[in-house]
Protein backbone atom coordinates (compact mmCIF):
# COMPACT_ATOMS: atom_id res chain seq x y z
CA MET A 1 139.15 86.31 69.26
CA ALA A 2 139.54 89.44 70.59
CA ASP A 3 142.14 91.11 67.86
CA ASN A 4 139.52 93.63 67.24
CA ILE A 5 137.52 94.50 70.49
CA PRO A 6 138.38 97.65 71.03
CA ILE A 7 139.76 98.49 74.56
CA GLY A 8 136.94 99.66 77.24
CA THR A 9 134.60 97.50 75.82
CA ILE A 10 132.29 95.77 78.74
CA LYS A 11 130.28 92.43 78.50
CA HIS A 12 128.69 89.88 80.44
CA ALA A 13 131.32 86.49 81.10
CA GLU A 14 128.47 84.50 79.56
CA ASP A 15 128.41 86.58 76.39
CA ILE A 16 132.39 86.27 76.26
CA TRP A 17 132.28 82.32 76.76
CA PRO A 18 128.86 81.20 75.85
CA ASP A 19 130.16 77.11 75.87
CA LYS A 20 131.12 77.53 79.29
CA GLU A 21 129.47 75.67 82.23
CA TRP A 22 129.01 78.30 85.04
CA LYS A 23 128.51 76.90 88.55
CA THR A 24 126.67 80.16 89.82
CA ARG A 25 124.32 82.55 88.40
CA SER A 26 126.14 85.48 89.85
CA ASN A 27 129.39 84.14 87.70
CA LYS A 28 128.32 84.31 83.92
CA ASN A 29 126.21 88.03 85.15
CA ARG A 30 129.89 89.38 85.89
CA LYS A 31 130.56 92.16 84.32
CA LEU A 32 134.34 92.36 82.18
CA ILE A 33 135.73 95.28 80.57
CA TRP A 34 138.31 94.70 77.46
CA HIS A 35 141.60 96.17 79.26
CA ALA A 36 145.45 96.89 78.99
CA CYS A 37 148.00 96.45 81.42
CA ILE A 38 149.61 99.94 82.26
CA ASP A 39 153.15 98.69 82.40
CA CYS A 40 153.50 96.48 79.07
CA GLY A 41 150.19 97.23 77.61
CA LYS A 42 148.89 93.49 77.59
CA GLU A 43 144.98 93.32 76.87
CA ARG A 44 142.64 91.10 78.71
CA TRP A 45 139.38 90.50 79.88
CA VAL A 46 139.23 92.21 83.62
CA ARG A 47 136.24 92.36 86.26
CA PHE A 48 134.72 95.17 86.04
CA ARG A 49 133.58 96.59 89.39
CA GLU A 50 132.56 100.02 90.63
CA GLY A 51 132.77 101.91 87.76
CA LYS A 52 136.96 100.13 87.53
CA PRO A 53 138.72 97.70 86.11
CA GLN A 54 139.79 95.56 89.32
CA ASN A 55 143.04 94.96 88.29
CA SER A 56 144.91 97.63 86.29
CA ARG A 57 147.90 95.36 85.54
CA CYS A 58 148.61 91.97 83.94
CA LEU A 59 149.38 89.07 86.38
CA SER A 60 152.93 89.12 85.30
CA CYS A 61 153.37 93.10 85.73
CA ALA A 62 151.62 92.78 89.14
CA LEU A 63 154.33 90.49 90.91
CA LYS A 64 157.33 92.11 89.37
CA GLU A 65 155.24 95.47 91.03
CA HIS A 66 155.24 93.68 94.29
CA LEU A 67 158.43 92.48 94.42
CA ARG A 68 159.98 95.60 93.58
CA ASN A 69 157.75 97.12 96.70
CA ASN A 70 158.27 94.01 99.08
CA PRO A 71 162.01 93.13 98.65
CA HIS A 72 163.48 89.39 100.39
CA PRO A 73 162.99 89.97 103.91
CA MET A 74 166.91 88.43 103.87
CA GLU A 75 167.68 90.67 100.94
CA GLY A 76 170.88 92.39 101.38
CA LYS A 77 171.88 90.89 104.87
CA HIS A 78 175.21 89.57 105.28
CA HIS A 79 176.57 88.45 108.60
CA SER A 80 180.07 87.84 109.76
CA LEU A 81 181.66 84.46 110.55
CA GLU A 82 181.67 85.95 114.28
CA SER A 83 177.97 86.56 113.47
CA ARG A 84 177.00 82.87 112.02
CA GLN A 85 179.07 81.14 114.87
CA LYS A 86 176.89 82.83 117.24
CA MET A 87 173.99 81.95 115.78
CA SER A 88 174.44 78.40 114.99
CA ILE A 89 175.72 77.72 118.72
CA THR A 90 172.48 79.04 119.88
CA HIS A 91 170.22 77.70 117.65
CA LYS A 92 169.97 74.27 119.65
CA GLY A 93 173.64 74.21 120.12
CA ILE A 94 174.14 72.42 116.73
CA PRO A 95 177.21 74.38 114.23
CA SER A 96 175.57 74.90 111.07
CA PRO A 97 177.27 73.96 107.43
CA LEU A 98 178.15 77.61 106.46
CA THR A 99 180.53 77.90 109.32
CA SER A 100 181.49 74.42 109.55
CA ASN A 101 182.77 74.38 106.23
CA ILE A 102 184.24 77.91 106.64
CA GLU A 103 186.92 76.60 109.60
CA LYS A 104 187.86 73.76 107.62
CA GLY A 105 189.09 75.69 104.67
CA CYS A 106 186.19 74.36 101.95
């Protein structure tokens, strides 16, 4: 379908998907632009808002970028055995499975 569409082509949604049943008129009148991802080059239809594509990256590259900029909050945090024991005691007085196994030599 989109093999020969030049990048930068702007169309209304109902022109791209004429057989789709639209719930609202505003959805079928949305402008879309044939756009390439700035990271991987994947071409796809993107919503065209305020004179530019709404998303410059495809979903997969956007997720990778998000994870690069927002690492997992616990990543890189290592606690000593003593710290884990203190945390397990203060947390309802129940020892954690991590500290129990270490003490037993498992």
